């Protein structure tokens, strides 16, 4: 799905001497990437799943735009998961947990 939107990374390599920076492929509709940019910027501060990806890449030395591209990709996958499952987004969900029940609000 990320490849359809154009959010997959592309490495520029040629033999052993040419190693360019990785960029987004930018294949597919640019309108979707435009729609994901500002929500991804906001999600890097507000969404725990997207923020974890963003901070992990920054700590590994990635530039901010590269980390933001990964945040856009993560946000697209979250949106696809919500649409595919038909369930509302749960920020406390963890991929390793099975039969997760969301926290009930305190009464």
Protein backbone atom coordinates (compact mmCIF):
# COMPACT_ATOMS: atom_id res chain seq x y z
CA UNK A 1 0.00 0.00 0.00
CA UNK A 2 2.82 2.42 0.82
CA UNK A 3 4.34 1.75 -2.60
CA UNK A 4 1.04 2.68 -4.27
CA UNK A 5 1.01 6.04 -2.47
CA UNK A 6 4.72 6.58 -3.12
CA UNK A 7 5.92 6.44 0.49
CA UNK A 8 8.44 3.65 0.08
CA UNK A 9 12.16 4.51 0.34
CA UNK A 10 14.38 4.23 -2.73
CA UNK A 11 18.15 3.89 -2.43
CA UNK A 12 20.48 5.40 -5.02
CA UNK A 13 23.31 2.93 -5.57
CA UNK A 14 25.63 2.32 -8.48
CA UNK A 15 28.42 -0.17 -8.01
CA UNK A 16 30.69 0.32 -5.03
CA UNK A 17 31.45 4.03 -5.28
CA UNK A 18 28.10 5.80 -5.71
CA UNK A 19 25.89 5.90 -2.64
CA UNK A 20 23.23 8.60 -2.73
CA UNK A 21 20.74 9.47 -0.03
CA UNK A 22 17.53 7.51 0.19
CA UNK A 23 14.40 9.35 -0.90
CA UNK A 24 10.71 8.60 -1.22
CA UNK A 25 9.79 6.98 -4.51
CA UNK A 26 6.99 9.54 -5.12
CA UNK A 27 5.19 7.16 -7.44
CA UNK A 28 1.45 7.22 -7.34
CA UNK A 29 -0.92 10.09 -6.67
CA UNK A 30 0.83 13.12 -5.19
CA UNK A 31 -2.50 14.34 -3.80
CA UNK A 32 -2.45 11.53 -1.21
CA UNK A 33 1.07 12.47 -0.09
CA UNK A 34 -0.05 16.09 0.21
CA UNK A 35 -3.00 14.99 2.34
CA UNK A 36 -0.75 12.94 4.64
CA UNK A 37 2.00 15.54 5.18
CA UNK A 38 0.43 17.88 7.74
CA UNK A 39 -1.36 15.10 9.68
CA UNK A 40 2.00 13.31 9.91
CA UNK A 41 3.65 16.45 11.30
CA UNK A 42 0.94 16.64 13.96
CA UNK A 43 1.04 12.89 14.63
CA UNK A 44 4.76 13.05 15.45
CA UNK A 45 3.80 14.97 18.58
CA UNK A 46 0.33 13.59 19.39
CA UNK A 47 0.11 9.96 18.24
CA UNK A 48 2.15 7.48 20.34
CA UNK A 49 2.69 4.96 17.51
CA UNK A 50 3.81 7.53 14.94
CA UNK A 51 5.91 9.41 17.49
CA UNK A 52 7.78 6.21 18.42
CA UNK A 53 8.74 5.59 14.78
CA UNK A 54 9.76 9.24 14.29
CA UNK A 55 11.92 9.42 17.43
CA UNK A 56 13.52 6.03 16.76
CA UNK A 57 14.67 7.15 13.32
CA UNK A 58 15.93 10.50 14.63
CA UNK A 59 17.94 8.72 17.31
CA UNK A 60 19.54 6.53 14.62
CA UNK A 61 20.72 9.64 12.79
CA UNK A 62 18.09 10.00 10.07
CA UNK A 63 17.33 13.51 8.85
CA UNK A 64 14.00 15.01 9.92
CA UNK A 65 12.41 14.81 6.46
CA UNK A 66 13.31 11.14 6.14
CA UNK A 67 11.81 10.44 9.56
CA UNK A 68 8.73 12.44 8.58
CA UNK A 69 8.37 10.29 5.44
CA UNK A 70 8.40 7.21 7.66
CA UNK A 71 5.79 8.86 9.88
CA UNK A 72 3.62 9.47 6.81
CA UNK A 73 3.99 5.80 5.91
CA UNK A 74 3.06 4.70 9.44
CA UNK A 75 0.03 6.99 9.43
CA UNK A 76 -1.09 5.55 6.09
CA UNK A 77 -0.80 2.01 7.50
CA UNK A 78 -2.80 3.01 10.58
CA UNK A 79 -5.52 4.51 8.40
CA UNK A 80 -5.62 1.39 6.24
CA UNK A 81 -5.90 -0.80 9.34
CA UNK A 82 -8.82 1.21 10.70
CA UNK A 83 -10.64 1.10 7.36
CA UNK A 84 -9.87 -2.59 6.79
CA UNK A 85 -10.90 -3.75 10.28
CA UNK A 86 -13.90 -1.45 10.63
CA UNK A 87 -12.93 -0.74 14.24
CA UNK A 88 -12.11 2.69 15.66
CA UNK A 89 -8.48 3.60 16.29
CA UNK A 90 -7.20 2.55 19.72
CA UNK A 91 -3.94 4.29 20.77
CA UNK A 92 -3.40 1.71 23.54
CA UNK A 93 -3.37 -1.21 21.07
CA UNK A 94 -0.11 -3.14 20.84
CA UNK A 95 0.62 -5.42 17.87
CA UNK A 96 1.86 -8.28 20.08
CA UNK A 97 -1.23 -8.34 22.31
CA UNK A 98 -3.97 -10.79 21.36
CA UNK A 99 -7.63 -10.31 22.22
CA UNK A 100 -6.96 -6.76 23.32
CA UNK A 101 -9.85 -5.04 25.03
CA UNK A 102 -9.61 -1.28 25.30
CA UNK A 103 -9.59 0.32 28.72
CA UNK A 104 -13.07 1.04 29.96
CA UNK A 105 -13.63 4.65 31.02
CA UNK A 106 -13.76 5.21 34.75
CA UNK A 107 -17.28 5.85 36.03
